[in-house]
Amino acid sequence: MAEPLEGLNVKFSTKSYELNYIDNEIVFSAPNSIKVVTNLAYETKLNDEKRQILVLKPEYLGAFVGDVKNMMVYDTSSQFVDKKTKRVYNSRLK
């Protein structure tokens, strides 16, 4: 009997599928692991995953707010309007 070649071996019939991956005489088998997925089902699953909203834990809120305030501080400039506002040039206006 001939030795099976390394790689993927797929056996299928109308009702069942079997995948065998042969690597150095070790066979990894996955019977009936293939299923048909339509494009609509795939895209719906992706969109459902995007709907999950991750909420920041309350114990990290203070650190987050502090870090954002530190990042949003303006450097001293002649473009200050007041303590929290800075004037910028809008190149789209002519």
C-alpha atoms as a PDB file:
ATOM      1  CA  MET A   1       0.000   0.000   0.000  1.00  0.00           C
ATOM      2  CA  ALA A   2       1.322   3.433  -0.949  1.00  0.00           C
ATOM      3  CA  GLU A   3       2.062   6.041   1.715  1.00  0.00           C
ATOM      4  CA  PRO A   4      -0.332   9.006   1.578  1.00  0.00           C
ATOM      5  CA  LEU A   5       1.234  12.248   0.443  1.00  0.00           C
ATOM      6  CA  GLU A   6       1.511  15.166   2.851  1.00  0.00           C
ATOM      7  CA  GLY A   7      -1.186  17.795   2.531  1.00  0.00           C
ATOM      8  CA  LEU A   8      -4.919  18.150   2.511  1.00  0.00           C
ATOM      9  CA  ASN A   9      -7.176  15.272   1.500  1.00  0.00           C
ATOM     10  CA  VAL A  10     -10.869  16.076   0.996  1.00  0.00           C
ATOM     11  CA  LYS A  11     -13.540  13.398   0.723  1.00  0.00           C
ATOM     12  CA  PHE A  12     -17.106  14.451   0.131  1.00  0.00           C
ATOM     13  CA  SER A  13     -20.462  13.105  -0.884  1.00  0.00           C
ATOM     14  CA  THR A  14     -23.834  14.803  -1.171  1.00  0.00           C
ATOM     15  CA  LYS A  15     -24.466  14.584   2.607  1.00  0.00           C
ATOM     16  CA  SER A  16     -21.090  14.574   4.341  1.00  0.00           C
ATOM     17  CA  TYR A  17     -17.617  16.013   4.083  1.00  0.00           C
ATOM     18  CA  GLU A  18     -14.353  14.895   5.603  1.00  0.00           C
ATOM     19  CA  LEU A  19     -11.102  16.834   5.733  1.00  0.00           C
ATOM     20  CA  ASN A  20      -7.850  15.074   6.544  1.00  0.00           C
ATOM     21  CA  TYR A  21      -4.585  16.925   6.831  1.00  0.00           C
ATOM     22  CA  ILE A  22      -1.582  14.611   6.688  1.00  0.00           C
ATOM     23  CA  ASP A  23       1.650  15.959   8.179  1.00  0.00           C
ATOM     24  CA  ASN A  24       4.603  13.629   8.834  1.00  0.00           C
ATOM     25  CA  GLU A  25       2.385  10.548   9.145  1.00  0.00           C
ATOM     26  CA  ILE A  26       0.045  12.319  11.614  1.00  0.00           C
ATOM     27  CA  VAL A  27      -3.526  12.648  10.382  1.00  0.00           C
ATOM     28  CA  PHE A  28      -5.636  15.540  11.624  1.00  0.00           C
ATOM     29  CA  SER A  29      -9.254  14.750  10.815  1.00  0.00           C
ATOM     30  CA  ALA A  30     -12.263  17.063  10.746  1.00  0.00           C
ATOM     31  CA  PRO A  31     -15.356  15.157   9.619  1.00  0.00           C
ATOM     32  CA  ASN A  32     -18.384  17.244   8.616  1.00  0.00           C
ATOM     33  CA  SER A  33     -16.525  20.477   9.368  1.00  0.00           C
ATOM     34  CA  ILE A  34     -17.498  22.212   6.149  1.00  0.00           C
ATOM     35  CA  LYS A  35     -20.700  24.184   5.898  1.00  0.00           C
ATOM     36  CA  VAL A  36     -22.123  26.406   3.225  1.00  0.00           C
ATOM     37  CA  VAL A  37     -22.185  30.107   4.052  1.00  0.00           C
ATOM     38  CA  THR A  38     -23.882  32.583   1.768  1.00  0.00           C
ATOM     39  CA  ASN A  39     -22.457  36.050   1.246  1.00  0.00           C
ATOM     40  CA  LEU A  40     -25.518  37.518   2.983  1.00  0.00           C
ATOM     41  CA  ALA A  41     -24.981  35.339   6.077  1.00  0.00           C
ATOM     42  CA  TYR A  42     -21.267  36.202   6.156  1.00  0.00           C
ATOM     43  CA  GLU A  43     -21.867  39.955   5.871  1.00  0.00           C
ATOM     44  CA  THR A  44     -24.688  39.803   8.444  1.00  0.00           C
ATOM     45  CA  LYS A  45     -22.351  38.079  10.914  1.00  0.00           C
ATOM     46  CA  LEU A  46     -19.681  40.745  10.356  1.00  0.00           C
ATOM     47  CA  ASN A  47     -22.196  43.545  10.911  1.00  0.00           C
ATOM     48  CA  ASP A  48     -23.531  41.887  14.067  1.00  0.00           C
ATOM     49  CA  GLU A  49     -19.985  41.750  15.465  1.00  0.00           C
ATOM     50  CA  LYS A  50     -19.593  45.489  14.788  1.00  0.00           C
ATOM     51  CA  ARG A  51     -22.744  46.228  16.807  1.00  0.00           C
ATOM     52  CA  GLN A  52     -21.109  45.066  20.024  1.00  0.00           C
ATOM     53  CA  ILE A  53     -20.108  48.123  22.042  1.00  0.00           C
ATOM     54  CA  LEU A  54     -17.310  47.843  24.557  1.00  0.00           C
ATOM     55  CA  VAL A  55     -17.917  50.086  27.579  1.00  0.00           C
ATOM     56  CA  LEU A  56     -15.025  51.444  29.623  1.00  0.00           C
ATOM     57  CA  LYS A  57     -14.923  50.036  33.160  1.00  0.00           C
ATOM     58  CA  PRO A  58     -15.636  52.708  35.817  1.00  0.00           C
ATOM     59  CA  GLU A  59     -12.303  52.132  37.566  1.00  0.00           C
ATOM     60  CA  TYR A  60     -10.444  53.242  34.390  1.00  0.00           C
ATOM     61  CA  LEU A  61     -12.590  56.307  33.686  1.00  0.00           C
ATOM     62  CA  GLY A  62     -10.556  58.734  35.806  1.00  0.00           C
ATOM     63  CA  ALA A  63      -7.276  57.715  34.200  1.00  0.00           C
ATOM     64  CA  PHE A  64      -8.823  58.004  30.721  1.00  0.00           C
ATOM     65  CA  VAL A  65     -10.240  61.482  31.341  1.00  0.00           C
ATOM     66  CA  GLY A  66      -6.936  62.653  32.828  1.00  0.00           C
ATOM     67  CA  ASP A  67      -4.930  61.324  29.879  1.00  0.00           C
ATOM     68  CA  VAL A  68      -7.263  62.950  27.335  1.00  0.00           C
ATOM     69  CA  LYS A  69      -7.114  66.311  29.141  1.00  0.00           C
ATOM     70  CA  ASN A  70      -3.309  66.163  29.135  1.00  0.00           C
ATOM     71  CA  MET A  71      -3.229  65.368  25.412  1.00  0.00           C
ATOM     72  CA  MET A  72      -5.667  68.164  24.537  1.00  0.00           C
ATOM     73  CA  VAL A  73      -3.722  71.021  26.176  1.00  0.00           C
ATOM     74  CA  TYR A  74      -2.688  73.743  23.705  1.00  0.00           C
ATOM     75  CA  ASP A  75       0.881  74.996  23.684  1.00  0.00           C
ATOM     76  CA  THR A  76       1.398  78.717  24.217  1.00  0.00           C
ATOM     77  CA  SER A  77       0.710  80.539  20.973  1.00  0.00           C
ATOM     78  CA  SER A  78      -0.396  83.899  19.573  1.00  0.00           C
ATOM     79  CA  GLN A  79      -3.482  82.140  18.167  1.00  0.00           C
ATOM     80  CA  PHE A  80      -5.222  81.806  21.546  1.00  0.00           C
ATOM     81  CA  VAL A  81      -8.733  83.247  21.646  1.00  0.00           C
ATOM     82  CA  ASP A  82      -9.156  82.312  25.304  1.00  0.00           C
ATOM     83  CA  LYS A  83      -7.841  79.657  27.707  1.00  0.00           C
ATOM     84  CA  LYS A  84      -9.645  76.750  25.985  1.00  0.00           C
ATOM     85  CA  THR A  85      -9.948  77.993  22.385  1.00  0.00           C
ATOM     86  CA  LYS A  86      -7.363  78.463  19.664  1.00  0.00           C
ATOM     87  CA  ARG A  87      -7.812  80.165  16.285  1.00  0.00           C
ATOM     88  CA  VAL A  88      -6.784  78.177  13.166  1.00  0.00           C
ATOM     89  CA  TYR A  89      -6.455  79.060   9.514  1.00  0.00           C
ATOM     90  CA  ASN A  90      -9.101  77.507   7.257  1.00  0.00           C
ATOM     91  CA  SER A  91      -7.544  77.042   3.822  1.00  0.00           C
ATOM     92  CA  ARG A  92     -10.929  76.239   2.264  1.00  0.00           C
ATOM     93  CA  LEU A  93     -12.198  79.768   2.807  1.00  0.00           C
ATOM     94  CA  LYS A  94     -11.027  82.354   0.305  1.00  0.00           C
END
